[in-house]
């Protein structure tokens, strides 16, 4: 296991800003609003030449019920997992009663601690910095995560704790280089998307086999797009739990605006997106808009219908859902539709089979010779229309790219070819070459076969 550092502290002391600073990327959402982070976010980093895992946690708050209690449990789990706790206070506010309570909590876990007094820029922070000694967590380090002041002292303290831990374990402290897969394969990136409260975090927990994500009846618990790596069979997966996407008109809070941006980035960089629907309210307008967004981004799509255990007449409902899927999402004809219960885990195996199959189709490449034989047969069966008395000619086609499958056809008048004829060709590609459920991009270019040399 890599050396692990958990960043903990009260809400709004700058934990996520420090996390982003140490990672070198804006991975965690940051805003003046307290309590923005809820799930714990992990990132692999190299600090002072030493590889380790960094965990950003929810702000520690007192409370024994509801969402606050579940957030606290997640943070305590991160502390238990960590080799080092990076305890952050706000030097401008000084030590509060909550800091003292949670300082005791950290001490009880018996982990090594680095105490950081954040927001220490300016004289106003001096009293709070000196108050930090009263926590009994060692000498505080004055820093400003936002401005980068004193961060070097923090990284040196982390590196020293790393070396001390390895010395106690009898290791030499030399960093190990990460080993790639035997075949050099990167993890398959999967985003779980959908409306709020359809069970996305519960599904991710079912995949991980642990309560990694905070779940509950409240809508909109997840805010960050949290990534977790798992192995499914022989395949490595990187699964992103995302915030629920609501209609724009209903997005009001700053935190939700940031969450939506994080979700859209997760979709954009995923390879397969699982669109999770509620079995009792499937294919609502927002579901269709999310599906359209996924298709426009060119991602492979799998439709998953959650809470299937609550459906009474399953056969009739399944037939109805499949009809709705084909009618409402013609742009991804043949897309996989899988029913499941994220709560019980039933159907998750079938979902992952569908995800891996969708990725295989998304990466598919077709031979040029076979494409042109198919094109000739399609034109013979249904010739392109004539424009101004001149027959449109499609002379040649090739696959320009995969991920998603992208084709280029050379036509005498590309702008004049009707959309209906392009749909005829795209549907033919799906049926003939077995390309169900993925976006297909079909581009037209003017000209002859570019691979045939002109006669001199």
Protein backbone atom coordinates (compact mmCIF):
# COMPACT_ATOMS: atom_id res chain seq x y z
CA UNK A 1 0.00 0.00 0.00
CA UNK A 2 1.32 3.52 -0.78
CA UNK A 3 2.02 5.99 2.02
CA UNK A 4 -1.28 7.82 2.57
CA UNK A 5 -1.88 11.37 3.84
CA UNK A 6 -5.37 12.50 4.93
CA UNK A 7 -6.09 16.25 5.04
CA UNK A 8 -8.61 16.90 7.84
CA UNK A 9 -10.05 19.87 9.71
CA UNK A 10 -13.17 21.98 10.18
CA UNK A 11 -15.18 23.18 7.17
CA UNK A 12 -13.75 26.10 5.18
CA UNK A 13 -10.23 26.06 6.62
CA UNK A 14 -8.75 25.51 3.14
CA UNK A 15 -8.32 21.72 2.95
CA UNK A 16 -9.37 21.44 -0.71
CA UNK A 17 -7.24 24.44 -1.69
CA UNK A 18 -4.24 22.77 -0.04
CA UNK A 19 -5.13 19.44 -1.71
CA UNK A 20 -5.16 21.13 -5.14
CA UNK A 21 -1.87 22.91 -4.35
CA UNK A 22 -0.11 19.65 -3.39
CA UNK A 23 -1.56 17.71 -6.35
CA UNK A 24 -0.73 20.51 -8.78
CA UNK A 25 -4.20 20.42 -10.37
CA UNK A 26 -7.64 21.81 -9.54
CA UNK A 27 -9.16 18.41 -8.79
CA UNK A 28 -11.26 19.37 -5.75
CA UNK A 29 -14.05 21.94 -5.86
CA UNK A 30 -13.12 25.15 -4.05
CA UNK A 31 -15.35 28.03 -2.95
CA UNK A 32 -15.92 30.36 0.00
CA UNK A 33 -19.00 28.34 0.95
CA UNK A 34 -18.21 26.02 3.88
CA UNK A 35 -18.90 22.30 3.59
CA UNK A 36 -18.46 22.07 -0.20
CA UNK A 37 -16.50 18.79 0.02
CA UNK A 38 -18.54 15.78 1.16
CA UNK A 39 -17.00 12.58 -0.19
CA UNK A 40 -13.31 11.93 0.27
CA UNK A 41 -11.22 12.41 -2.87
CA UNK A 42 -7.91 10.64 -3.50
CA UNK A 43 -4.99 11.47 -5.79
CA UNK A 44 -1.58 9.90 -6.33
CA UNK A 45 1.18 12.51 -5.94
CA UNK A 46 4.95 12.76 -5.69
CA UNK A 47 6.12 15.00 -2.82
CA UNK A 48 9.83 15.68 -2.37
CA UNK A 49 10.48 12.80 -4.81
CA UNK A 50 8.37 10.36 -2.74
CA UNK A 51 5.23 8.72 -4.18
CA UNK A 52 2.15 8.79 -1.95
CA UNK A 53 -1.64 9.04 -1.93
CA UNK A 54 -3.35 12.24 -0.79
CA UNK A 55 -6.93 12.27 0.56
CA UNK A 56 -9.13 15.38 0.70
CA UNK A 57 -11.91 14.93 3.26
CA UNK A 58 -15.18 16.56 4.25
CA UNK A 59 -15.00 19.23 6.95
CA UNK A 60 -15.31 17.69 10.41
CA UNK A 61 -18.52 18.82 12.09
CA UNK A 62 -20.23 17.68 15.25
CA UNK A 63 -23.52 15.86 14.81
CA UNK A 64 -24.83 12.36 15.29
CA UNK A 65 -27.60 12.30 12.69
CA UNK A 66 -28.21 12.67 8.97
CA UNK A 67 -25.75 13.84 6.35
CA UNK A 68 -23.35 15.45 8.85
CA UNK A 69 -22.90 12.14 10.66
CA UNK A 70 -22.28 10.27 7.39
CA UNK A 71 -19.72 12.88 6.28
CA UNK A 72 -17.95 12.53 9.63
CA UNK A 73 -17.84 8.75 9.26
CA UNK A 74 -16.20 9.13 5.85
CA UNK A 75 -13.58 11.45 7.32
CA UNK A 76 -12.91 9.08 10.23
CA UNK A 77 -12.49 6.26 7.71
CA UNK A 78 -9.90 8.37 5.89
CA UNK A 79 -8.04 8.99 9.17
CA UNK A 80 -8.06 5.26 9.91
CA UNK A 81 -6.71 4.52 6.42
CA UNK A 82 -3.99 7.19 6.56
CA UNK A 83 -0.36 6.85 7.62
CA UNK A 84 -0.19 10.59 8.28
CA UNK A 85 -2.87 13.14 9.21
CA UNK A 86 -2.41 16.67 7.89
CA UNK A 87 -4.54 18.64 10.38
CA UNK A 88 -5.50 22.10 9.07
CA UNK A 89 -6.78 25.05 11.09
CA UNK A 90 -7.68 28.62 10.07
CA UNK A 91 -5.05 30.88 11.65
CA UNK A 92 -7.19 33.98 11.13
CA UNK A 93 -10.02 32.44 13.17
CA UNK A 94 -7.77 30.81 15.75
CA UNK A 95 -8.39 27.57 17.60
CA UNK A 96 -12.10 26.91 18.08
CA UNK A 97 -13.92 24.42 20.29
CA UNK A 98 -14.46 22.25 17.22
CA UNK A 99 -10.71 22.26 16.48
CA UNK A 100 -10.06 21.01 20.03
CA UNK A 101 -12.69 18.24 19.73
CA UNK A 102 -11.35 17.00 16.42
CA UNK A 103 -7.75 17.37 17.58
CA UNK A 104 -8.63 14.88 20.34
CA UNK A 105 -10.18 12.60 17.70
CA UNK A 106 -6.98 12.63 15.64
CA UNK A 107 -4.84 11.88 18.71
CA UNK A 108 -7.06 8.93 19.66
CA UNK A 109 -6.30 7.28 16.31
CA UNK A 110 -2.59 7.39 17.22
CA UNK A 111 -1.47 8.49 13.74
CA UNK A 112 1.46 10.75 12.94
CA UNK A 113 0.27 14.36 12.59
CA UNK A 114 1.44 17.48 10.77
CA UNK A 115 -0.36 20.62 12.03
CA UNK A 116 -0.82 23.35 9.40
CA UNK A 117 -2.05 26.85 10.31
CA UNK A 118 -3.56 27.97 7.00
CA UNK A 119 -4.41 31.54 5.95
CA UNK A 120 -1.33 32.77 7.86
CA UNK A 121 -0.58 35.61 5.45
CA UNK A 122 -0.58 38.96 7.30
CA UNK A 123 -0.30 39.95 10.94
CA UNK A 124 -3.97 39.22 11.68
CA UNK A 125 -3.12 35.52 11.68
CA UNK A 126 -0.36 35.65 14.31
CA UNK A 127 -2.58 35.17 17.42
CA UNK A 128 -4.30 32.16 15.83
CA UNK A 129 -0.97 30.65 14.83
CA UNK A 130 0.30 30.72 18.42
CA UNK A 131 -3.01 29.35 19.71
CA UNK A 132 -2.40 26.25 17.55
CA UNK A 133 0.26 25.08 20.04
CA UNK A 134 -2.56 24.48 22.57
CA UNK A 135 -3.87 21.57 20.45
CA UNK A 136 -0.93 19.43 21.53
CA UNK A 137 -0.33 18.19 17.97
CA UNK A 138 3.23 19.44 17.70
CA UNK A 139 4.66 22.63 16.25
CA UNK A 140 2.27 24.33 13.81
CA UNK A 141 3.50 25.28 10.34
CA UNK A 142 2.40 28.72 9.12
CA UNK A 143 1.20 28.61 5.53
CA UNK A 144 -1.20 29.98 2.93
CA UNK A 145 -2.58 27.34 0.55
CA UNK A 146 -4.15 30.00 -1.67
CA UNK A 147 -0.92 31.98 -2.13
CA UNK A 148 1.55 29.10 -1.84
CA UNK A 149 3.34 30.57 1.19
CA UNK A 150 4.89 28.05 3.55
CA UNK A 151 3.74 25.06 1.49
CA UNK A 152 7.36 23.96 1.15
CA UNK A 153 7.60 23.57 4.94
CA UNK A 154 4.49 21.37 4.86
CA UNK A 155 5.85 19.14 2.06
CA UNK A 156 9.15 18.76 3.93
CA UNK A 157 7.27 17.67 7.06
CA UNK A 158 5.24 15.17 5.02
CA UNK A 159 8.42 13.77 3.43
CA UNK A 160 10.06 13.45 6.86
CA UNK A 161 7.03 11.53 8.19
CA UNK A 162 7.20 9.28 5.10
CA UNK A 163 10.88 8.46 5.73
CA UNK A 164 10.28 7.89 9.44
CA UNK A 165 7.46 5.45 8.64
CA UNK A 166 9.68 3.53 6.22
CA UNK A 167 12.54 3.48 8.71
CA UNK A 168 10.25 1.97 11.35
CA UNK A 169 9.16 -0.63 8.80
CA UNK A 170 12.81 -1.44 8.01
CA UNK A 171 12.75 0.02 4.48
CA UNK A 172 15.38 2.25 2.93
CA UNK A 173 13.02 5.07 1.94
CA UNK A 174 13.78 4.83 -1.76
CA UNK A 175 10.66 5.56 -3.82
CA UNK A 176 9.30 2.72 -5.91
CA UNK A 177 8.40 3.40 -9.49
CA UNK A 178 4.86 2.54 -10.45
CA UNK A 179 4.63 -0.59 -12.60
CA UNK A 180 2.35 -0.50 -15.64
CA UNK A 181 0.12 -3.40 -16.61
CA UNK A 182 1.85 -6.29 -18.34
CA UNK A 183 0.31 -5.12 -21.62
CA UNK A 184 0.67 -1.41 -20.82
CA UNK A 185 -3.12 -0.97 -20.57
CA UNK A 186 -4.52 2.06 -18.75
CA UNK A 187 -7.65 1.80 -16.58
CA UNK A 188 -10.97 2.05 -18.42
CA UNK A 189 -12.56 5.37 -17.39
CA UNK A 190 -16.26 5.03 -16.51
CA UNK A 191 -18.52 7.90 -15.38
CA UNK A 192 -21.80 7.24 -13.56
CA UNK A 193 -24.18 10.07 -14.51
CA UNK A 194 -27.84 10.90 -14.03
CA UNK A 195 -30.35 13.06 -12.22
CA UNK A 196 -30.02 13.65 -8.45
CA UNK A 197 -31.02 10.83 -6.10
CA UNK A 198 -31.21 8.00 -8.66
CA UNK A 199 -28.59 5.95 -6.77
CA UNK A 200 -25.27 6.81 -8.44
CA UNK A 201 -23.20 6.74 -5.24
CA UNK A 202 -24.94 3.56 -4.09
CA UNK A 203 -24.02 1.93 -7.41
CA UNK A 204 -20.37 2.97 -7.04
CA UNK A 205 -20.34 1.52 -3.51
CA UNK A 206 -21.75 -1.74 -4.90
CA UNK A 207 -18.93 -1.86 -7.48
CA UNK A 208 -16.29 -1.15 -4.84
CA UNK A 209 -17.75 -3.54 -2.30
CA UNK A 210 -17.58 -0.90 0.45
CA UNK A 211 -19.35 2.28 1.59
CA UNK A 212 -16.83 4.54 -0.13
CA UNK A 213 -19.36 7.21 -1.14
CA UNK A 214 -21.79 8.99 1.16
CA UNK A 215 -25.37 7.98 0.35
CA UNK A 216 -28.77 8.85 1.74
CA UNK A 217 -32.30 9.96 0.92
CA UNK A 218 -31.26 13.60 0.46
CA UNK A 219 -30.89 14.67 -3.18
CA UNK A 220 -27.60 16.25 -4.25
CA UNK A 221 -25.26 14.74 -1.62
CA UNK A 222 -22.44 14.17 -4.12
CA UNK A 223 -20.71 17.34 -5.30
CA UNK A 224 -17.25 16.35 -6.57
CA UNK A 225 -16.71 13.84 -9.36
CA UNK A 226 -14.90 11.26 -7.22
CA UNK A 227 -12.67 8.67 -8.91
CA UNK A 228 -12.07 5.17 -7.52
CA UNK A 229 -9.96 2.41 -9.07
CA UNK A 230 -11.11 -1.22 -8.98
CA UNK A 231 -10.38 -4.45 -10.81
CA UNK A 232 -13.25 -6.21 -12.54
CA UNK A 233 -12.12 -9.61 -13.68
CA UNK A 234 -8.83 -8.95 -15.45
CA UNK A 235 -9.69 -5.32 -16.31
CA UNK A 236 -8.66 -2.25 -14.34
CA UNK A 237 -11.40 0.36 -14.06
CA UNK A 238 -11.43 3.98 -12.91
CA UNK A 239 -15.01 4.79 -11.87
CA UNK A 240 -16.22 8.37 -11.41
CA UNK A 241 -19.17 9.04 -9.14
CA UNK A 242 -20.66 12.36 -10.30
CA UNK A 243 -23.06 14.97 -8.97
CA UNK A 244 -26.66 14.73 -10.17
CA UNK A 245 -27.51 16.95 -13.14
CA UNK A 246 -30.68 19.02 -12.82
CA UNK A 247 -32.32 21.38 -15.30
CA UNK A 248 -30.46 24.70 -15.64
CA UNK A 249 -33.45 26.66 -14.37
CA UNK A 250 -33.29 24.78 -11.06
CA UNK A 251 -29.55 25.25 -10.50
CA UNK A 252 -29.22 28.12 -8.05
CA UNK A 253 -26.51 27.57 -5.45
CA UNK A 254 -22.88 28.28 -6.28
CA UNK A 255 -21.92 24.82 -4.99
CA UNK A 256 -24.27 23.18 -7.49
CA UNK A 257 -22.85 25.24 -10.37
CA UNK A 258 -19.36 23.99 -9.46
CA UNK A 259 -20.64 20.41 -9.14
CA UNK A 260 -22.22 20.50 -12.59
CA UNK A 261 -18.95 21.69 -14.11
CA UNK A 262 -17.09 18.83 -12.41
CA UNK A 263 -19.66 16.31 -13.69
CA UNK A 264 -19.42 17.61 -17.26
CA UNK A 265 -15.62 17.25 -17.15
CA UNK A 266 -15.97 13.68 -15.89
CA UNK A 267 -18.29 12.85 -18.81
CA UNK A 268 -15.98 14.54 -21.30
CA UNK A 269 -12.92 12.52 -20.21
CA UNK A 270 -14.69 9.20 -19.64
CA UNK A 271 -14.65 6.42 -22.22
CA UNK A 272 -17.95 4.82 -21.16
CA UNK A 273 -20.77 6.69 -19.40
CA UNK A 274 -23.44 4.81 -17.47
CA UNK A 275 -26.65 6.85 -17.50
CA UNK A 276 -28.52 5.77 -14.38
CA UNK A 277 -32.32 6.07 -14.44
CA UNK A 278 -34.95 5.63 -11.73
CA UNK A 279 -37.19 2.65 -12.56
CA UNK A 280 -40.22 4.56 -11.25
CA UNK A 281 -39.47 7.74 -13.25
CA UNK A 282 -37.41 6.73 -16.31
CA UNK A 283 -36.61 8.72 -19.44
CA UNK A 284 -37.63 12.10 -18.08
CA UNK A 285 -36.68 15.16 -20.11
CA UNK A 286 -33.51 15.67 -18.09
CA UNK A 287 -32.47 12.03 -18.65
CA UNK A 288 -32.80 12.54 -22.41
CA UNK A 289 -30.80 15.77 -22.28
CA UNK A 290 -28.01 14.03 -20.37
CA UNK A 291 -28.03 11.19 -22.91
CA UNK A 292 -27.82 13.72 -25.75
CA UNK A 293 -24.88 15.42 -24.03
CA UNK A 294 -23.07 12.07 -23.72
CA UNK A 295 -23.64 11.32 -27.40
CA UNK A 296 -22.49 14.79 -28.50
CA UNK A 297 -19.30 14.27 -26.50
CA UNK A 298 -18.83 10.99 -28.41
CA UNK A 299 -18.76 8.74 -25.34
CA UNK A 300 -19.91 5.11 -25.31
CA UNK A 301 -23.27 4.91 -23.50
CA UNK A 302 -24.94 2.26 -21.34
CA UNK A 303 -28.43 2.81 -19.87
CA UNK A 304 -28.90 1.40 -16.36
CA UNK A 305 -32.32 1.34 -14.68
CA UNK A 306 -31.97 1.35 -10.89
CA UNK A 307 -34.41 0.39 -8.11
CA UNK A 308 -35.62 -2.56 -10.20
CA UNK A 309 -36.50 -4.44 -7.01
CA UNK A 310 -39.41 -1.98 -6.51
CA UNK A 311 -41.02 -2.88 -9.87
CA UNK A 312 -43.92 -5.36 -9.66
CA UNK A 313 -44.63 -6.50 -13.25
CA UNK A 314 -41.02 -6.70 -14.39
CA UNK A 315 -41.59 -8.30 -17.80
CA UNK A 316 -44.16 -5.75 -18.93
CA UNK A 317 -42.11 -2.87 -17.53
CA UNK A 318 -38.93 -4.08 -19.26
CA UNK A 319 -40.68 -4.29 -22.64
CA UNK A 320 -42.02 -0.77 -22.10
CA UNK A 321 -38.57 0.58 -21.19
CA UNK A 322 -36.93 -0.97 -24.25
CA UNK A 323 -39.59 0.53 -26.53
CA UNK A 324 -39.09 3.95 -24.92
CA UNK A 325 -35.32 3.67 -25.25
CA UNK A 326 -35.45 2.88 -28.96
CA UNK A 327 -38.04 5.58 -29.65
CA UNK A 328 -36.52 8.37 -27.55
CA UNK A 329 -32.83 7.72 -28.25
CA UNK A 330 -32.61 6.90 -31.98
CA UNK A 331 -29.12 8.47 -32.14
CA UNK A 332 -27.76 5.47 -30.20
CA UNK A 333 -29.92 2.74 -31.66
CA UNK A 334 -29.27 -0.61 -29.99
CA UNK A 335 -27.83 0.90 -26.79
CA UNK A 336 -27.64 -1.61 -23.92
CA UNK A 337 -30.37 -1.28 -21.29
CA UNK A 338 -29.64 -3.06 -18.01
CA UNK A 339 -31.91 -3.33 -14.97
CA UNK A 340 -30.40 -3.51 -11.49
CA UNK A 341 -30.70 -2.77 -7.81
CA UNK A 342 -27.69 -0.81 -6.59
CA UNK A 343 -28.85 -1.30 -3.00
CA UNK A 344 -28.68 -5.11 -3.16
CA UNK A 345 -26.06 -5.36 -5.91
CA UNK A 346 -28.32 -7.51 -8.10
CA UNK A 347 -27.69 -6.87 -11.80
CA UNK A 348 -24.32 -5.13 -11.30
CA UNK A 349 -22.50 -8.02 -13.03
CA UNK A 350 -24.70 -7.63 -16.12
CA UNK A 351 -24.09 -3.88 -16.09
CA UNK A 352 -20.32 -4.33 -16.13
CA UNK A 353 -20.58 -6.88 -18.96
CA UNK A 354 -22.52 -4.24 -20.93
CA UNK A 355 -19.92 -1.55 -20.09
CA UNK A 356 -17.01 -3.69 -21.33
CA UNK A 357 -18.96 -4.63 -24.48
CA UNK A 358 -19.75 -0.94 -25.18
CA UNK A 359 -16.06 -0.06 -24.81
CA UNK A 360 -15.14 -2.78 -27.31
CA UNK A 361 -17.60 -1.41 -29.88
CA UNK A 362 -16.45 2.16 -29.20
CA UNK A 363 -12.86 1.15 -30.05
CA UNK A 364 -13.80 -0.90 -33.13
CA UNK A 365 -11.98 -0.34 -36.45
CA UNK A 366 -13.30 -1.59 -39.77
CA UNK A 367 -11.22 -2.53 -42.86
CA UNK A 368 -11.45 -0.03 -45.72
CA UNK A 369 -12.08 -2.73 -48.34
CA UNK A 370 -15.06 -4.10 -46.42
CA UNK A 371 -16.47 -0.58 -45.97
CA UNK A 372 -16.34 0.18 -49.68
CA UNK A 373 -17.92 -3.15 -50.62
CA UNK A 374 -20.70 -2.33 -48.16
CA UNK A 375 -21.02 1.24 -49.55
CA UNK A 376 -21.43 -0.07 -53.11
CA UNK A 377 -24.16 -2.48 -51.99
CA UNK A 378 -25.99 0.28 -50.08
CA UNK A 379 -25.90 2.60 -53.10
CA UNK A 380 -27.15 -0.19 -55.39
CA UNK A 381 -30.04 -0.85 -53.01
CA UNK A 382 -30.96 2.81 -52.63
CA UNK A 383 -29.23 5.34 -54.86
CA UNK A 384 -28.63 8.92 -53.67
CA UNK A 385 -31.15 11.46 -55.01
CA UNK A 386 -30.54 13.76 -57.95
CA UNK A 387 -30.04 17.50 -57.41
CA UNK A 388 -30.77 19.92 -60.27
CA UNK A 389 -30.88 16.96 -62.62
CA UNK A 390 -27.47 15.64 -61.56
CA UNK A 391 -27.12 12.40 -59.61
CA UNK A 392 -25.12 12.69 -56.38
CA UNK A 393 -22.15 10.34 -56.33
CA UNK A 394 -20.47 8.84 -53.26
CA UNK A 395 -17.24 7.39 -54.55
CA UNK A 396 -15.26 6.19 -51.55
CA UNK A 397 -15.27 5.95 -47.76
CA UNK A 398 -12.90 5.07 -44.94
CA UNK A 399 -12.85 4.99 -41.17
CA UNK A 400 -10.92 8.05 -40.02
CA UNK A 401 -10.94 7.21 -36.32
CA UNK A 402 -12.35 5.15 -33.49
CA UNK A 403 -13.43 6.28 -29.99
CA UNK A 404 -16.14 6.90 -31.30
CA UNK A 405 -16.25 5.25 -34.75
CA UNK A 406 -15.78 8.10 -37.24
CA UNK A 407 -16.19 7.69 -41.00
CA UNK A 408 -15.40 9.93 -43.97
CA UNK A 409 -17.12 9.57 -47.35
CA UNK A 410 -16.11 11.46 -50.49
CA UNK A 411 -19.11 12.86 -52.36
CA UNK A 412 -19.61 14.98 -55.48
CA UNK A 413 -21.89 17.44 -53.65
CA UNK A 414 -21.62 16.81 -49.87
CA UNK A 415 -23.83 19.75 -48.85
CA UNK A 416 -26.66 18.56 -51.10
CA UNK A 417 -26.86 15.02 -49.68
CA UNK A 418 -30.05 14.86 -47.55
CA UNK A 419 -29.85 14.06 -43.84
CA UNK A 420 -32.24 11.18 -44.42
CA UNK A 421 -29.72 9.49 -46.72
CA UNK A 422 -26.94 9.98 -44.17
CA UNK A 423 -29.18 8.34 -41.54
CA UNK A 424 -29.78 5.47 -43.98
CA UNK A 425 -26.00 4.94 -44.25
CA UNK A 426 -25.41 5.26 -40.47
CA UNK A 427 -28.16 2.74 -39.69
CA UNK A 428 -26.71 0.41 -42.29
CA UNK A 429 -23.29 0.68 -40.66
CA UNK A 430 -24.79 -0.24 -37.29
CA UNK A 431 -26.61 -3.30 -38.60
CA UNK A 432 -23.94 -4.63 -40.95
CA UNK A 433 -20.87 -4.12 -38.78
CA UNK A 434 -22.52 -4.65 -35.38
CA UNK A 435 -22.08 -1.14 -33.91
CA UNK A 436 -25.01 -0.88 -31.46
CA UNK A 437 -25.39 1.88 -28.92
CA UNK A 438 -22.36 4.07 -29.69
CA UNK A 439 -22.29 7.47 -31.39
CA UNK A 440 -21.31 7.20 -35.05
CA UNK A 441 -19.82 10.23 -36.74
CA UNK A 442 -20.28 10.32 -40.50
CA UNK A 443 -18.52 13.17 -42.31
CA UNK A 444 -18.82 14.08 -45.99
CA UNK A 445 -16.00 15.56 -48.05
CA UNK A 446 -16.00 16.80 -51.61
CA UNK A 447 -13.81 14.96 -54.08
CA UNK A 448 -12.83 11.61 -55.58
CA UNK A 449 -11.08 8.71 -53.92
CA UNK A 450 -8.00 10.47 -52.44
CA UNK A 451 -5.97 7.27 -52.58
CA UNK A 452 -6.25 6.88 -56.34
CA UNK A 453 -3.41 8.68 -58.14
CA UNK A 454 -4.57 11.05 -60.86
CA UNK A 455 -3.43 10.22 -64.40
CA UNK A 456 -0.55 12.39 -65.63
